[in-house]
């Protein structure tokens, strides 16, 4: 956002800064225009909140969906330099208890997560190993167990749960409506803040308020790295058949426990995991 448009798009900012300055003992002119703009700014915040709520409620209401995420993230090196890596995720979800996430790194290495209602299976294609853990029950509980208890990564996992509306309402501390965009599709661009992450979302216009793009900025991390993702080829409704949620280890794959750590890269190249923006 260009500096010349800040006052136009965020009229409440000037008023907020004025109040802070007065509290510090600095004489500041608060114009009538700024005072009049405050209700408009509040209305824009309410507008942003309504679009976020519509998106999370719509996702939570779907019996299932399929979508492709084209993502990228910054990995901050020990030198302070930021290196961008790309990845692709093909996601298939069927409520109440099915999930499949196929992940392809920019160097072609694949991994897989499958939850079939009874067992969580994870395949690391780079090392050709897989791990499994029993987890009977609903998808929401399996996602929490996977991320919190097993310590595994599942980017944007909160979007997949039926508790997303309440979760986002609790975590997002501020919101602002940025603009209505038309490229590549008509969407509402909103920006929000949590305790340590700035969030930008582009939500599709119309009666299917699906997320089209997301940007996360980790403001407390060195270099403030970002995670970015485009949501492509949305298909609402669960995948047909049961094969999508059947895990079959590839030939030669070795089973390990989740506690076993795959050795880190030691080739001296750019490191994918150094203080990176990988949610």
Protein backbone atom coordinates (compact mmCIF):
# COMPACT_ATOMS: atom_id res chain seq x y z
CA UNK A 1 0.00 0.00 0.00
CA UNK A 2 1.52 3.30 -1.10
CA UNK A 3 2.07 5.99 1.52
CA UNK A 4 -0.12 8.43 -0.36
CA UNK A 5 -3.13 6.12 0.02
CA UNK A 6 -2.78 5.33 3.70
CA UNK A 7 -4.91 8.24 4.89
CA UNK A 8 -7.55 7.53 2.26
CA UNK A 9 -7.86 3.82 3.04
CA UNK A 10 -7.35 3.90 6.81
CA UNK A 11 -8.90 7.13 8.04
CA UNK A 12 -8.85 5.99 11.64
CA UNK A 13 -5.06 5.82 11.72
CA UNK A 14 -4.62 9.61 11.91
CA UNK A 15 -7.07 9.81 14.80
CA UNK A 16 -5.38 6.98 16.70
CA UNK A 17 -1.96 8.58 16.30
CA UNK A 18 -3.36 11.90 17.45
CA UNK A 19 -4.71 10.37 20.66
CA UNK A 20 -1.35 8.76 21.41
CA UNK A 21 0.47 12.02 20.83
CA UNK A 22 -1.87 13.96 23.13
CA UNK A 23 -1.31 11.37 25.87
CA UNK A 24 2.41 11.98 25.51
CA UNK A 25 1.96 15.71 26.06
CA UNK A 26 2.31 16.75 22.41
CA UNK A 27 -0.14 19.29 21.04
CA UNK A 28 -1.83 17.85 17.95
CA UNK A 29 -4.67 19.19 15.83
CA UNK A 30 -7.46 16.63 15.41
CA UNK A 31 -9.46 17.81 12.45
CA UNK A 32 -13.21 17.53 12.10
CA UNK A 33 -12.62 15.28 9.12
CA UNK A 34 -10.60 12.86 11.26
CA UNK A 35 -13.31 12.80 13.91
CA UNK A 36 -15.96 12.18 11.29
CA UNK A 37 -13.87 9.38 9.78
CA UNK A 38 -13.76 7.31 12.98
CA UNK A 39 -17.25 5.76 12.56
CA UNK A 40 -16.41 4.94 8.94
CA UNK A 41 -13.23 3.18 10.01
CA UNK A 42 -15.17 1.15 12.57
CA UNK A 43 -17.66 0.21 9.88
CA UNK A 44 -14.83 -1.02 7.66
CA UNK A 45 -13.50 -3.16 10.52
CA UNK A 46 -16.97 -4.64 10.98
CA UNK A 47 -17.09 -5.30 7.26
CA UNK A 48 -13.79 -7.17 7.40
CA UNK A 49 -15.01 -9.21 10.37
CA UNK A 50 -18.19 -10.14 8.51
CA UNK A 51 -16.23 -11.49 5.52
CA UNK A 52 -13.88 -13.46 7.77
CA UNK A 53 -16.82 -14.95 9.65
CA UNK A 54 -18.61 -15.81 6.40
CA UNK A 55 -15.50 -17.61 5.11
CA UNK A 56 -14.89 -19.68 8.26
CA UNK A 57 -18.57 -20.56 8.64
CA UNK A 58 -18.80 -21.63 5.01
CA UNK A 59 -15.69 -23.83 5.22
CA UNK A 60 -16.92 -25.40 8.47
CA UNK A 61 -20.32 -26.15 6.90
CA UNK A 62 -18.92 -28.07 3.92
CA UNK A 63 -19.21 -31.88 4.15
CA UNK A 64 -15.90 -32.02 2.32
CA UNK A 65 -13.72 -30.32 -0.27
CA UNK A 66 -10.67 -30.64 -2.48
CA UNK A 67 -8.22 -27.82 -3.13
CA UNK A 68 -4.64 -27.25 -4.27
CA UNK A 69 -2.37 -24.85 -2.39
CA UNK A 70 0.58 -23.33 -4.22
CA UNK A 71 2.69 -21.91 -1.43
CA UNK A 72 6.03 -20.29 -0.72
CA UNK A 73 7.86 -19.41 2.47
CA UNK A 74 10.95 -17.51 3.57
CA UNK A 75 13.73 -19.36 5.33
CA UNK A 76 15.98 -16.91 7.18
CA UNK A 77 19.57 -18.14 7.06
CA UNK A 78 22.16 -17.77 9.80
CA UNK A 79 23.60 -14.87 7.81
CA UNK A 80 20.26 -13.07 7.93
CA UNK A 81 19.56 -13.62 4.24
CA UNK A 82 16.05 -14.74 3.33
CA UNK A 83 15.69 -17.62 0.87
CA UNK A 84 12.30 -18.39 -0.68
CA UNK A 85 11.17 -21.99 -1.13
CA UNK A 86 8.06 -23.18 -2.94
CA UNK A 87 5.70 -26.08 -2.30
CA UNK A 88 2.42 -27.59 -3.42
CA UNK A 89 -0.27 -29.24 -1.33
CA UNK A 90 -3.20 -31.25 -2.71
CA UNK A 91 -5.82 -31.47 0.03
CA UNK A 92 -8.87 -33.74 0.15
CA UNK A 93 -11.18 -33.60 3.16
CA UNK A 94 -14.37 -35.49 4.03
CA UNK A 95 -16.15 -34.86 7.29
CA UNK A 96 -16.39 -36.16 9.90
CA UNK A 97 -13.17 -38.19 9.82
CA UNK A 98 -11.15 -38.22 6.57
CA UNK A 99 -8.16 -36.16 5.41
CA UNK A 100 -5.43 -36.56 2.80
CA UNK A 101 -2.63 -34.04 2.18
CA UNK A 102 -0.07 -34.67 -0.55
CA UNK A 103 2.91 -32.33 -0.27
CA UNK A 104 5.51 -31.67 -2.98
CA UNK A 105 8.55 -29.51 -2.22
CA UNK A 106 10.14 -27.26 -4.83
CA UNK A 107 12.95 -29.82 -5.28
CA UNK A 108 10.42 -32.56 -6.07
CA UNK A 109 10.51 -34.42 -2.73
CA UNK A 110 7.05 -35.69 -1.78
CA UNK A 111 5.37 -36.46 1.52
CA UNK A 112 1.90 -37.62 2.46
CA UNK A 113 -0.52 -37.35 5.39
CA UNK A 114 -3.59 -39.60 5.55
CA UNK A 115 -6.24 -39.85 8.25
CA UNK A 116 -8.86 -42.56 7.66
CA UNK A 117 -10.92 -42.18 10.83
CA UNK A 118 -8.84 -44.70 12.74
CA UNK A 119 -5.16 -44.10 12.02
CA UNK A 120 -2.90 -41.16 11.14
CA UNK A 121 -0.25 -42.13 8.59
CA UNK A 122 2.65 -39.92 7.50
CA UNK A 123 5.08 -40.72 4.69
CA UNK A 124 8.45 -38.94 4.33
CA UNK A 125 9.36 -39.49 0.69
CA UNK A 126 12.88 -38.13 1.05
CA UNK A 127 13.91 -40.80 3.54
CA UNK A 128 11.29 -43.33 2.30
CA UNK A 129 10.00 -43.89 5.83
CA UNK A 130 6.52 -43.72 7.29
CA UNK A 131 4.95 -43.54 10.72
CA UNK A 132 1.48 -44.41 11.94
CA UNK A 133 -0.45 -43.63 15.12
CA UNK A 134 -3.92 -44.82 16.15
CA UNK A 135 -6.37 -41.95 16.44
CA UNK A 136 -10.00 -43.05 16.21
CA UNK A 137 -12.50 -40.24 16.19
CA UNK A 138 -13.38 -37.01 14.42
CA UNK A 139 -11.18 -34.96 12.13
CA UNK A 140 -10.96 -31.98 14.50
CA UNK A 141 -9.50 -34.15 17.26
CA UNK A 142 -7.11 -35.85 14.84
CA UNK A 143 -5.74 -32.49 13.64
CA UNK A 144 -5.15 -31.31 17.21
CA UNK A 145 -3.44 -34.59 18.08
CA UNK A 146 -1.30 -34.47 14.94
CA UNK A 147 -0.05 -30.92 15.47
CA UNK A 148 0.06 -30.61 19.26
CA UNK A 149 0.84 -34.11 20.50
CA UNK A 150 2.85 -35.54 17.62
CA UNK A 151 4.59 -32.22 16.92
CA UNK A 152 4.01 -32.44 13.17
CA UNK A 153 3.40 -29.63 10.66
CA UNK A 154 0.06 -29.08 8.96
CA UNK A 155 0.01 -25.55 7.48
CA UNK A 156 -3.29 -23.69 7.81
CA UNK A 157 -4.71 -26.57 9.85
CA UNK A 158 -7.15 -24.26 11.63
CA UNK A 159 -9.00 -23.70 8.35
CA UNK A 160 -9.81 -27.40 8.12
CA UNK A 161 -11.63 -27.76 11.44
CA UNK A 162 -15.31 -27.29 12.16
CA UNK A 163 -14.25 -25.03 15.06
CA UNK A 164 -12.65 -22.50 12.70
CA UNK A 165 -15.30 -19.75 13.22
CA UNK A 166 -14.84 -19.68 17.00
CA UNK A 167 -11.08 -20.20 16.75
CA UNK A 168 -10.51 -17.26 14.40
CA UNK A 169 -12.83 -14.98 16.37
CA UNK A 170 -10.84 -15.70 19.52
CA UNK A 171 -7.37 -15.34 18.01
CA UNK A 172 -7.70 -12.38 15.65
CA UNK A 173 -7.14 -9.17 17.62
CA UNK A 174 -7.78 -6.57 14.92
CA UNK A 175 -9.11 -6.44 11.37
CA UNK A 176 -9.30 -3.95 8.55
CA UNK A 177 -11.00 -4.09 5.17
CA UNK A 178 -8.38 -3.20 2.54
CA UNK A 179 -10.24 -3.25 -0.77
CA UNK A 180 -12.38 -5.20 -3.19
CA UNK A 181 -10.11 -6.69 -5.84
CA UNK A 182 -10.90 -8.03 -9.31
CA UNK A 183 -7.66 -9.87 -10.12
CA UNK A 184 -7.53 -12.77 -10.65
CA UNK A 185 -11.12 -13.14 -9.37
CA UNK A 186 -13.48 -10.76 -7.56
CA UNK A 187 -12.47 -10.93 -3.90
CA UNK A 188 -12.42 -9.04 -0.62
CA UNK A 189 -8.94 -8.28 0.69
CA UNK A 190 -8.81 -8.08 4.49
CA UNK A 191 -5.89 -7.79 6.91
CA UNK A 192 -5.72 -8.82 10.54
CA UNK A 193 -3.34 -9.30 13.44
CA UNK A 194 -2.98 -11.99 16.05
CA UNK A 195 -0.53 -11.93 18.92
CA UNK A 196 2.55 -12.51 16.77
CA UNK A 197 1.34 -13.02 13.19
CA UNK A 198 -0.02 -10.54 10.67
CA UNK A 199 -2.59 -12.11 8.35
CA UNK A 200 -3.84 -11.06 4.94
CA UNK A 201 -6.70 -12.89 3.27
CA UNK A 202 -8.39 -12.63 -0.10
CA UNK A 203 -11.93 -14.06 0.17
CA UNK A 204 -14.01 -14.83 -2.90
CA UNK A 205 -16.96 -12.56 -3.57
CA UNK A 206 -20.39 -14.14 -3.84
CA UNK A 207 -22.27 -16.98 -2.18
CA UNK A 208 -19.17 -19.21 -1.88
CA UNK A 209 -16.77 -17.13 0.27
CA UNK A 210 -13.75 -19.40 -0.17
CA UNK A 211 -10.20 -18.26 0.60
CA UNK A 212 -8.26 -17.50 -2.57
CA UNK A 213 -4.96 -16.30 -1.13
CA UNK A 214 -3.32 -15.94 2.27
CA UNK A 215 -0.16 -14.20 3.48
CA UNK A 216 1.23 -14.73 6.99
CA UNK A 217 3.99 -12.49 8.37
CA UNK A 218 5.80 -13.63 11.51
CA UNK A 219 6.47 -10.23 13.03
CA UNK A 220 8.41 -11.46 16.08
CA UNK A 221 10.80 -13.66 14.10
CA UNK A 222 14.16 -12.32 12.87
CA UNK A 223 13.71 -10.92 9.38
CA UNK A 224 9.89 -11.13 9.67
CA UNK A 225 9.59 -14.08 7.27
CA UNK A 226 6.39 -14.73 5.34
CA UNK A 227 4.31 -17.70 4.27
CA UNK A 228 2.20 -17.21 1.15
CA UNK A 229 -0.34 -19.50 -0.54
CA UNK A 230 -2.79 -19.45 -3.43
CA UNK A 231 -5.87 -21.67 -3.18
CA UNK A 232 -6.59 -23.20 -6.60
CA UNK A 233 -9.20 -25.55 -8.11
CA UNK A 234 -11.68 -25.51 -5.25
CA UNK A 235 -14.13 -28.42 -5.44
CA UNK A 236 -16.74 -28.45 -2.71
CA UNK A 237 -18.04 -31.82 -1.61
CA UNK A 238 -16.15 -34.90 -0.43
CA UNK A 239 -14.10 -36.94 -2.91
CA UNK A 240 -15.88 -39.94 -4.38
CA UNK A 241 -14.93 -43.43 -3.26
CA UNK A 242 -12.66 -44.50 -0.42
CA UNK A 243 -9.30 -44.88 -2.17
CA UNK A 244 -8.43 -41.23 -1.56
CA UNK A 245 -8.10 -41.95 2.16
CA UNK A 246 -6.36 -45.31 1.96
CA UNK A 247 -2.69 -45.31 2.92
CA UNK A 248 -0.40 -47.75 1.11
CA UNK A 249 3.31 -47.39 1.80
CA UNK A 250 5.51 -47.41 -1.30
CA UNK A 251 7.82 -50.33 -2.04
CA UNK A 252 10.85 -50.43 0.24
CA UNK A 253 9.45 -47.88 2.72
CA UNK A 254 10.48 -48.50 6.32
CA UNK A 255 8.14 -47.93 9.24
CA UNK A 256 9.43 -45.82 12.12
CA UNK A 257 7.98 -44.21 15.24
CA UNK A 258 6.91 -40.58 15.20
CA UNK A 259 9.55 -39.78 17.83
CA UNK A 260 12.35 -40.71 15.42
CA UNK A 261 13.74 -37.60 13.72
CA UNK A 262 14.90 -37.72 10.11
CA UNK A 263 18.46 -36.29 9.90
CA UNK A 264 18.63 -32.64 8.81
CA UNK A 265 20.20 -31.54 5.53
CA UNK A 266 24.00 -31.45 5.77
CA UNK A 267 24.95 -30.52 2.21
CA UNK A 268 25.95 -26.92 3.07
CA UNK A 269 23.25 -25.43 0.85
CA UNK A 270 20.51 -23.02 1.79
CA UNK A 271 18.58 -24.36 4.77
CA UNK A 272 14.82 -24.78 4.49
CA UNK A 273 14.18 -24.73 8.23
CA UNK A 274 16.33 -21.89 9.57
CA UNK A 275 13.86 -19.55 11.33
CA UNK A 276 11.47 -20.00 8.43
CA UNK A 277 7.89 -18.89 7.95
CA UNK A 278 6.37 -22.36 7.85
CA UNK A 279 3.05 -22.39 9.73
